[in-house]
Amino acid sequence: MELDALSQKLPGEIYPILIDWTPELKGQSITSKVVESIDLTTGQAAAVAEDLGESSGILTVRVKGGIPGRSYKITARVTLTDGSVYEKDYRLDVVPNFPPYIIIEKQVAQILDLGIFFDDTLRGETIDTVQFMAVDESGNSVDIYTDRGRLEDLVSFRIQGGEQGKDYILNVIASTEEESVFIEQVLIRIRNQ
């Protein structure tokens, strides 16, 4: 059976998905609901989805965690007042990283002011905190950015320094008031050309 695919996610991302049961209701209401997830590699139960509740036939499920390179089956099942039981299955792929949101080539002495709009990613949520994590090609922490603050869904930062011929990844991590976590990645290439 083909599973409906959800968007790929990073292990550190946490966000809600909405499952619409209104076409199935036909005048009924949901009396019980269950959300389960299994690791498709091992067949074992996995804690990558949790039920956050239902309102007007819309079930909210939070996806979180997971092991990079693994896929998970998320099953949502509802029972209606007339005893009918409906089930929807989804596939969630957890990836080690995304293609970078932005690819920047700069010279060592160059200073660049950049920003990322999270508006499409937030799904109506509000950013509460922003963190940055910059690493070199070996995964070592580096000081190549300055947090320039944020204005609503725009996160601003400055890129500076670096070593000639090296690549760096800057992770911009936005946490929301609703306890979701969204991550965008910037690839920074230092090239004196």
C-alpha atoms as a PDB file:
ATOM      1  CA  MET A   1       0.000   0.000   0.000  1.00  0.00           C
ATOM      2  CA  GLU A   2       1.321   3.457  -0.947  1.00  0.00           C
ATOM      3  CA  LEU A   3       1.576   5.851   2.019  1.00  0.00           C
ATOM      4  CA  ASP A   4       0.807   9.559   1.668  1.00  0.00           C
ATOM      5  CA  ALA A   5       4.171  11.290   2.008  1.00  0.00           C
ATOM      6  CA  LEU A   6       4.712  14.138   4.439  1.00  0.00           C
ATOM      7  CA  SER A   7       7.462  16.694   3.873  1.00  0.00           C
ATOM      8  CA  GLN A   8      10.947  15.483   4.748  1.00  0.00           C
ATOM      9  CA  LYS A   9      12.147  16.699   8.141  1.00  0.00           C
ATOM     10  CA  LEU A  10      15.360  17.115  10.068  1.00  0.00           C
ATOM     11  CA  PRO A  11      15.715  15.207  13.372  1.00  0.00           C
ATOM     12  CA  GLY A  12      15.612  18.436  15.411  1.00  0.00           C
ATOM     13  CA  GLU A  13      12.477  19.827  13.799  1.00  0.00           C
ATOM     14  CA  ILE A  14       9.204  19.702  15.710  1.00  0.00           C
ATOM     15  CA  TYR A  15       5.981  20.912  14.089  1.00  0.00           C
ATOM     16  CA  PRO A  16       2.273  20.117  13.763  1.00  0.00           C
ATOM     17  CA  ILE A  17       0.466  18.485  10.872  1.00  0.00           C
ATOM     18  CA  LEU A  18      -3.293  18.686  10.454  1.00  0.00           C
ATOM     19  CA  ILE A  19      -5.379  15.664   9.460  1.00  0.00           C
ATOM     20  CA  ASP A  20      -8.828  16.543   8.147  1.00  0.00           C
ATOM     21  CA  TRP A  21     -11.549  14.026   9.008  1.00  0.00           C
ATOM     22  CA  THR A  22     -14.504  16.268   8.038  1.00  0.00           C
ATOM     23  CA  PRO A  23     -15.321  14.359   4.805  1.00  0.00           C
ATOM     24  CA  GLU A  24     -15.729  11.166   6.861  1.00  0.00           C
ATOM     25  CA  LEU A  25     -17.881  12.707   9.612  1.00  0.00           C
ATOM     26  CA  LYS A  26     -21.188  13.089   7.701  1.00  0.00           C
ATOM     27  CA  GLY A  27     -23.007  14.453  10.753  1.00  0.00           C
ATOM     28  CA  GLN A  28     -21.065  12.276  13.230  1.00  0.00           C
ATOM     29  CA  SER A  29     -18.416  13.350  15.703  1.00  0.00           C
ATOM     30  CA  ILE A  30     -15.147  11.768  16.777  1.00  0.00           C
ATOM     31  CA  THR A  31     -15.469   9.790  20.015  1.00  0.00           C
ATOM     32  CA  SER A  32     -11.911   8.447  20.191  1.00  0.00           C
ATOM     33  CA  LYS A  33      -8.615   8.849  18.364  1.00  0.00           C
ATOM     34  CA  VAL A  34      -5.250   7.108  18.273  1.00  0.00           C
ATOM     35  CA  VAL A  35      -1.947   8.193  16.712  1.00  0.00           C
ATOM     36  CA  GLU A  36       0.773   5.573  16.308  1.00  0.00           C
ATOM     37  CA  SER A  37       4.112   5.539  14.541  1.00  0.00           C
ATOM     38  CA  ILE A  38       6.504   2.768  13.578  1.00  0.00           C
ATOM     39  CA  ASP A  39      10.025   2.720  12.181  1.00  0.00           C
ATOM     40  CA  LEU A  40       9.723   1.199   8.686  1.00  0.00           C
ATOM     41  CA  THR A  41      13.293  -0.155   8.930  1.00  0.00           C
ATOM     42  CA  THR A  42      12.839  -2.096  12.166  1.00  0.00           C
ATOM     43  CA  GLY A  43       9.051  -2.447  12.401  1.00  0.00           C
ATOM     44  CA  GLN A  44       9.298  -1.210  15.996  1.00  0.00           C
ATOM     45  CA  ALA A  45       7.155   1.478  17.601  1.00  0.00           C
ATOM     46  CA  ALA A  46       8.693   4.948  17.308  1.00  0.00           C
ATOM     47  CA  ALA A  47       7.971   8.193  19.140  1.00  0.00           C
ATOM     48  CA  VAL A  48       7.906  10.505  16.101  1.00  0.00           C
ATOM     49  CA  ALA A  49       4.233  11.552  16.331  1.00  0.00           C
ATOM     50  CA  GLU A  50       1.954  12.606  19.147  1.00  0.00           C
ATOM     51  CA  ASP A  51      -1.738  13.489  19.291  1.00  0.00           C
ATOM     52  CA  LEU A  52      -2.297  17.134  20.244  1.00  0.00           C
ATOM     53  CA  GLY A  53      -6.082  16.972  20.048  1.00  0.00           C
ATOM     54  CA  GLU A  54      -9.025  17.366  17.708  1.00  0.00           C
ATOM     55  CA  SER A  55     -11.322  20.279  16.965  1.00  0.00           C
ATOM     56  CA  SER A  56     -14.219  20.333  14.466  1.00  0.00           C
ATOM     57  CA  GLY A  57     -12.986  17.179  12.746  1.00  0.00           C
ATOM     58  CA  ILE A  58      -9.365  18.351  12.377  1.00  0.00           C
ATOM     59  CA  LEU A  59      -6.792  16.234  14.249  1.00  0.00           C
ATOM     60  CA  THR A  60      -3.527  17.956  15.139  1.00  0.00           C
ATOM     61  CA  VAL A  61      -0.467  15.690  15.294  1.00  0.00           C
ATOM     62  CA  ARG A  62       3.010  16.890  16.301  1.00  0.00           C
ATOM     63  CA  VAL A  63       5.912  15.273  14.412  1.00  0.00           C
ATOM     64  CA  LYS A  64       9.290  15.252  16.132  1.00  0.00           C
ATOM     65  CA  GLY A  65      12.621  13.464  16.391  1.00  0.00           C
ATOM     66  CA  GLY A  66      13.526  10.455  14.298  1.00  0.00           C
ATOM     67  CA  ILE A  67      16.796   8.971  13.098  1.00  0.00           C
ATOM     68  CA  PRO A  68      18.393  10.457   9.956  1.00  0.00           C
ATOM     69  CA  GLY A  69      18.003   8.148   6.965  1.00  0.00           C
ATOM     70  CA  ARG A  70      14.978   6.337   8.401  1.00  0.00           C
ATOM     71  CA  SER A  71      11.348   6.422   7.337  1.00  0.00           C
ATOM     72  CA  TYR A  72       8.363   6.162   9.625  1.00  0.00           C
ATOM     73  CA  LYS A  73       4.729   5.196   9.161  1.00  0.00           C
ATOM     74  CA  ILE A  74       2.350   7.440  11.077  1.00  0.00           C
ATOM     75  CA  THR A  75      -1.169   6.052  11.511  1.00  0.00           C
ATOM     76  CA  ALA A  76      -4.078   8.171  12.695  1.00  0.00           C
ATOM     77  CA  ARG A  77      -7.267   6.299  13.563  1.00  0.00           C
ATOM     78  CA  VAL A  78     -10.610   7.760  14.665  1.00  0.00           C
ATOM     79  CA  THR A  79     -13.853   6.199  15.891  1.00  0.00           C
ATOM     80  CA  LEU A  80     -17.111   8.056  15.227  1.00  0.00           C
ATOM     81  CA  THR A  81     -20.316   8.201  17.274  1.00  0.00           C
ATOM     82  CA  ASP A  82     -21.959   5.600  14.999  1.00  0.00           C
ATOM     83  CA  GLY A  83     -19.062   3.166  15.614  1.00  0.00           C
ATOM     84  CA  SER A  84     -17.372   3.716  12.236  1.00  0.00           C
ATOM     85  CA  VAL A  85     -13.570   3.526  12.337  1.00  0.00           C
ATOM     86  CA  TYR A  86     -11.388   5.393   9.832  1.00  0.00           C
ATOM     87  CA  GLU A  87      -7.624   5.280   9.399  1.00  0.00           C
ATOM     88  CA  LYS A  88      -5.096   7.379   7.496  1.00  0.00           C
ATOM     89  CA  ASP A  89      -1.453   6.416   7.012  1.00  0.00           C
ATOM     90  CA  TYR A  90       1.464   8.720   6.239  1.00  0.00           C
ATOM     91  CA  ARG A  91       5.172   8.288   5.515  1.00  0.00           C
ATOM     92  CA  LEU A  92       7.636  10.587   7.275  1.00  0.00           C
ATOM     93  CA  ASP A  93      11.236  10.602   6.010  1.00  0.00           C
ATOM     94  CA  VAL A  94      13.869  11.973   8.402  1.00  0.00           C
ATOM     95  CA  VAL A  95      16.924  13.334   6.597  1.00  0.00           C
ATOM     96  CA  PRO A  96      20.379  14.261   7.982  1.00  0.00           C
ATOM     97  CA  ASN A  97      20.202  17.643   6.263  1.00  0.00           C
ATOM     98  CA  PHE A  98      18.363  19.541   3.575  1.00  0.00           C
ATOM     99  CA  PRO A  99      19.852  21.151   0.546  1.00  0.00           C
ATOM    100  CA  PRO A 100      20.876  24.568   1.902  1.00  0.00           C
ATOM    101  CA  TYR A 101      18.213  27.275   1.928  1.00  0.00           C
ATOM    102  CA  ILE A 102      20.850  29.766   0.782  1.00  0.00           C
ATOM    103  CA  ILE A 103      24.256  29.181  -0.822  1.00  0.00           C
ATOM    104  CA  ILE A 104      26.655  32.091  -0.333  1.00  0.00           C
ATOM    105  CA  GLU A 105      30.094  32.534  -1.861  1.00  0.00           C
ATOM    106  CA  LYS A 106      32.142  35.257  -0.229  1.00  0.00           C
ATOM    107  CA  GLN A 107      35.693  36.441   0.172  1.00  0.00           C
ATOM    108  CA  VAL A 108      37.450  36.188   3.544  1.00  0.00           C
ATOM    109  CA  ALA A 109      37.317  39.945   4.234  1.00  0.00           C
ATOM    110  CA  GLN A 110      33.765  40.368   2.949  1.00  0.00           C
ATOM    111  CA  ILE A 111      30.948  41.035   5.435  1.00  0.00           C
ATOM    112  CA  LEU A 112      27.407  40.126   4.352  1.00  0.00           C
ATOM    113  CA  ASP A 113      24.121  41.003   6.051  1.00  0.00           C
ATOM    114  CA  LEU A 114      21.458  38.389   5.322  1.00  0.00           C
ATOM    115  CA  GLY A 115      17.993  37.377   6.434  1.00  0.00           C
ATOM    116  CA  ILE A 116      15.654  34.423   6.245  1.00  0.00           C
ATOM    117  CA  PHE A 117      11.881  34.803   6.044  1.00  0.00           C
ATOM    118  CA  PHE A 118      10.241  31.928   7.931  1.00  0.00           C
ATOM    119  CA  ASP A 119       6.687  32.985   6.961  1.00  0.00           C
ATOM    120  CA  ASP A 120       5.926  30.023   4.640  1.00  0.00           C
ATOM    121  CA  THR A 121       7.470  27.552   7.090  1.00  0.00           C
ATOM    122  CA  LEU A 122       5.699  28.731  10.248  1.00  0.00           C
ATOM    123  CA  ARG A 123       2.173  27.621   9.265  1.00  0.00           C
ATOM    124  CA  GLY A 124       0.643  30.502  11.198  1.00  0.00           C
ATOM    125  CA  GLU A 125       2.809  30.050  14.309  1.00  0.00           C
ATOM    126  CA  THR A 126       4.820  32.832  15.987  1.00  0.00           C
ATOM    127  CA  ILE A 127       8.600  32.749  16.482  1.00  0.00           C
ATOM    128  CA  ASP A 128       9.563  32.824  20.164  1.00  0.00           C
ATOM    129  CA  THR A 129      13.344  32.293  20.068  1.00  0.00           C
ATOM    130  CA  VAL A 130      16.074  31.965  17.442  1.00  0.00           C
ATOM    131  CA  GLN A 131      19.374  30.107  17.808  1.00  0.00           C
ATOM    132  CA  PHE A 132      22.305  29.794  15.446  1.00  0.00           C
ATOM    133  CA  MET A 133      24.771  26.939  15.065  1.00  0.00           C
ATOM    134  CA  ALA A 134      27.705  27.254  12.673  1.00  0.00           C
ATOM    135  CA  VAL A 135      30.065  24.394  11.851  1.00  0.00           C
ATOM    136  CA  ASP A 136      32.965  23.767   9.501  1.00  0.00           C
ATOM    137  CA  GLU A 137      33.334  20.783   7.163  1.00  0.00           C
ATOM    138  CA  SER A 138      34.470  18.586  10.084  1.00  0.00           C
ATOM    139  CA  GLY A 139      31.492  19.511  12.255  1.00  0.00           C
ATOM    140  CA  ASN A 140      33.506  21.774  14.569  1.00  0.00           C
ATOM    141  CA  SER A 141      31.764  24.844  15.929  1.00  0.00           C
ATOM    142  CA  VAL A 142      32.903  28.105  14.293  1.00  0.00           C
ATOM    143  CA  ASP A 143      32.335  31.802  14.898  1.00  0.00           C
ATOM    144  CA  ILE A 144      31.372  33.027  11.436  1.00  0.00           C
ATOM    145  CA  TYR A 145      28.088  34.842  12.124  1.00  0.00           C
ATOM    146  CA  THR A 146      26.523  37.573  14.251  1.00  0.00           C
ATOM    147  CA  ASP A 147      22.855  37.503  15.271  1.00  0.00           C
ATOM    148  CA  ARG A 148      21.288  40.770  14.024  1.00  0.00           C
ATOM    149  CA  GLY A 149      17.879  40.156  15.602  1.00  0.00           C
ATOM    150  CA  ARG A 150      14.472  39.481  14.124  1.00  0.00           C
ATOM    151  CA  LEU A 151      11.352  41.283  13.097  1.00  0.00           C
ATOM    152  CA  GLU A 152       8.293  39.008  13.232  1.00  0.00           C
ATOM    153  CA  ASP A 153       9.170  36.180  10.790  1.00  0.00           C
ATOM    154  CA  LEU A 154      12.409  37.725   9.414  1.00  0.00           C
ATOM    155  CA  VAL A 155      15.627  36.517  11.098  1.00  0.00           C
ATOM    156  CA  SER A 156      18.670  38.716  10.331  1.00  0.00           C
ATOM    157  CA  PHE A 157      22.328  37.806  10.678  1.00  0.00           C
ATOM    158  CA  ARG A 158      25.790  38.859   9.500  1.00  0.00           C
ATOM    159  CA  ILE A 159      28.325  36.512   7.883  1.00  0.00           C
ATOM    160  CA  GLN A 160      31.986  37.438   8.366  1.00  0.00           C
ATOM    161  CA  GLY A 161      35.431  35.857   8.373  1.00  0.00           C
ATOM    162  CA  GLY A 162      36.210  32.253   7.521  1.00  0.00           C
ATOM    163  CA  GLU A 163      39.202  30.593   5.907  1.00  0.00           C
ATOM    164  CA  GLN A 164      40.007  30.639   2.204  1.00  0.00           C
ATOM    165  CA  GLY A 165      38.802  27.498   0.405  1.00  0.00           C
ATOM    166  CA  LYS A 166      36.604  26.243   3.282  1.00  0.00           C
ATOM    167  CA  ASP A 167      32.859  25.626   3.469  1.00  0.00           C
ATOM    168  CA  TYR A 168      30.675  26.268   6.509  1.00  0.00           C
ATOM    169  CA  ILE A 169      27.079  25.458   7.408  1.00  0.00           C
ATOM    170  CA  LEU A 170      25.024  27.898   9.455  1.00  0.00           C
ATOM    171  CA  ASN A 171      21.845  26.422  10.959  1.00  0.00           C
ATOM    172  CA  VAL A 172      19.196  29.012  11.798  1.00  0.00           C
ATOM    173  CA  ILE A 173      16.835  27.429  14.343  1.00  0.00           C
ATOM    174  CA  ALA A 174      13.491  29.123  15.010  1.00  0.00           C
ATOM    175  CA  SER A 175      11.414  27.885  17.959  1.00  0.00           C
ATOM    176  CA  THR A 176       7.792  28.987  18.185  1.00  0.00           C
ATOM    177  CA  GLU A 177       5.474  29.852  21.050  1.00  0.00           C
ATOM    178  CA  GLU A 178       3.533  26.719  20.056  1.00  0.00           C
ATOM    179  CA  GLU A 179       6.667  24.591  20.755  1.00  0.00           C
ATOM    180  CA  SER A 180       7.516  23.829  17.120  1.00  0.00           C
ATOM    181  CA  VAL A 181      11.111  23.989  15.842  1.00  0.00           C
ATOM    182  CA  PHE A 182      12.028  24.938  12.268  1.00  0.00           C
ATOM    183  CA  ILE A 183      15.553  24.816  10.833  1.00  0.00           C
ATOM    184  CA  GLU A 184      16.974  26.514   7.739  1.00  0.00           C
ATOM    185  CA  GLN A 185      20.534  25.959   6.559  1.00  0.00           C
ATOM    186  CA  VAL A 186      22.955  28.357   4.879  1.00  0.00           C
ATOM    187  CA  LEU A 187      26.007  27.023   3.021  1.00  0.00           C
ATOM    188  CA  ILE A 188      28.862  29.556   3.172  1.00  0.00           C
ATOM    189  CA  ARG A 189      31.765  29.081   0.751  1.00  0.00           C
ATOM    190  CA  ILE A 190      34.889  31.164   1.263  1.00  0.00           C
ATOM    191  CA  ARG A 191      36.486  31.783  -2.128  1.00  0.00           C
ATOM    192  CA  ASN A 192      38.865  34.613  -3.099  1.00  0.00           C
ATOM    193  CA  GLN A 193      38.246  34.880  -6.797  1.00  0.00           C
END
